[in-house]
Amino acid sequence: MNIYVGNLSYGVSDDNLREVFEAYGTVSSAKVITDKYSGRSKGFGFVEMDNDAEGQAAIEQLDGAEIDGRSVKVNEARPREDRPRGGGGGHRGGGGGGGRNRY
């Protein structure tokens, strides 16, 4: 089961997240999402638990609980939606301009 954890304190590490969830069962991975440029936490993360019943118990017990001084939001992660990449932008047609012919 993949679990979303939001409103994390910027001081929470992968290991801290793992420790909190291990109280409810086996954690296969715990990852705090960080900005790729600054390395600073984005304030949310994901935890994967092998057993769905343990994952559900963790969600029920930890949603709204305080971790490192902040009340966290915990729920089952939704699949990531495909988002268009890049800058979009419409058609840039050149319009030819009318000049006149000279003979």
Protein backbone atom coordinates (compact mmCIF):
# COMPACT_ATOMS: atom_id res chain seq x y z
CA MET A 1 0.00 0.00 0.00
CA ASN A 2 1.32 3.43 -0.96
CA ILE A 3 0.56 6.13 1.61
CA TYR A 4 0.71 9.92 1.18
CA VAL A 5 1.88 11.98 4.18
CA GLY A 6 1.33 15.74 3.90
CA ASN A 7 2.01 18.84 6.01
CA LEU A 8 5.35 17.48 7.21
CA SER A 9 7.75 19.69 9.09
CA TYR A 10 10.79 20.57 6.98
CA GLY A 11 12.95 18.83 9.61
CA VAL A 12 11.44 15.37 9.05
CA SER A 13 13.80 12.94 7.29
CA ASP A 14 13.18 9.65 5.49
CA ASP A 15 14.35 7.82 8.64
CA ASN A 16 11.97 9.79 10.89
CA LEU A 17 9.06 8.96 8.61
CA ARG A 18 10.03 5.28 8.56
CA GLU A 19 10.23 5.15 12.38
CA VAL A 20 6.75 6.61 12.82
CA PHE A 21 5.14 4.13 10.41
CA GLU A 22 7.08 1.09 11.65
CA ALA A 23 4.98 1.26 14.83
CA TYR A 24 2.12 -0.06 12.65
CA GLY A 25 3.92 -2.69 10.58
CA THR A 26 6.60 -3.41 8.02
CA VAL A 27 7.68 -0.40 5.96
CA SER A 28 9.25 -1.21 2.60
CA SER A 29 10.16 2.43 1.85
CA ALA A 30 9.75 5.92 3.27
CA LYS A 31 10.66 8.99 1.24
CA VAL A 32 10.33 12.69 2.01
CA ILE A 33 10.07 14.58 -1.29
CA THR A 34 12.71 17.26 -1.73
CA ASP A 35 13.27 20.10 -4.16
CA LYS A 36 15.78 18.94 -6.77
CA TYR A 37 17.64 22.25 -6.75
CA SER A 38 17.76 23.25 -3.08
CA GLY A 39 17.49 19.79 -1.51
CA ARG A 40 14.93 21.20 0.95
CA SER A 41 11.86 19.18 1.88
CA LYS A 42 8.65 20.03 0.03
CA GLY A 43 6.64 19.17 3.15
CA PHE A 44 5.23 15.84 2.00
CA GLY A 45 6.32 12.27 1.46
CA PHE A 46 5.29 8.72 0.71
CA VAL A 47 5.47 5.51 2.70
CA GLU A 48 5.05 2.04 1.23
CA MET A 49 3.82 -0.76 3.45
CA ASP A 50 3.66 -4.38 2.28
CA ASN A 51 0.56 -5.29 4.26
CA ASP A 52 -2.64 -3.40 3.36
CA ALA A 53 -4.22 -3.99 6.78
CA GLU A 54 -1.16 -2.51 8.51
CA GLY A 55 -1.18 0.40 6.07
CA GLN A 56 -4.85 1.08 6.72
CA ALA A 57 -4.26 1.00 10.49
CA ALA A 58 -1.40 3.49 10.09
CA ILE A 59 -3.60 5.81 8.02
CA GLU A 60 -6.42 5.69 10.58
CA GLN A 61 -4.11 6.30 13.55
CA LEU A 62 -1.79 8.90 12.01
CA ASP A 63 -4.17 11.12 10.01
CA GLY A 64 -4.29 14.33 12.03
CA ALA A 65 -1.55 13.15 14.42
CA GLU A 66 1.35 15.40 15.33
CA ILE A 67 4.77 14.60 13.86
CA ASP A 68 7.62 16.95 14.74
CA GLY A 69 5.20 19.64 15.88
CA ARG A 70 2.85 19.58 12.87
CA SER A 71 -0.53 17.95 12.39
CA VAL A 72 -0.08 15.69 9.35
CA LYS A 73 -2.50 14.58 6.64
CA VAL A 74 -2.25 10.85 5.93
CA ASN A 75 -4.21 8.94 3.29
CA GLU A 76 -3.82 6.33 0.60
CA ALA A 77 -1.81 7.79 -2.25
CA ARG A 78 -3.62 8.28 -5.54
CA PRO A 79 -1.90 7.27 -8.75
CA ARG A 80 0.10 10.11 -10.27
CA GLU A 81 -1.73 11.83 -13.08
CA ASP A 82 0.02 12.36 -16.36
CA ARG A 83 0.54 16.05 -16.85
CA PRO A 84 1.67 17.70 -20.04
CA ARG A 85 5.33 18.58 -19.95
CA GLY A 86 6.96 21.68 -21.26
CA GLY A 87 5.62 25.03 -22.09
CA GLY A 88 2.60 24.38 -24.18
CA GLY A 89 2.15 27.36 -26.41
CA GLY A 90 -0.14 27.42 -29.35
CA HIS A 91 0.41 27.54 -33.05
CA ARG A 92 2.70 30.31 -34.15
CA GLY A 93 1.74 30.69 -37.69
CA GLY A 94 3.41 33.20 -39.85
CA GLY A 95 0.93 35.08 -41.73
CA GLY A 96 2.56 36.29 -44.82
CA GLY A 97 1.89 39.94 -45.28
CA GLY A 98 0.55 41.46 -48.23
CA GLY A 99 3.10 43.57 -49.98
CA ARG A 100 2.37 44.66 -53.46
CA ASN A 101 4.05 43.44 -56.56
CA ARG A 102 6.23 45.90 -58.40
CA TYR A 103 6.57 45.62 -62.13
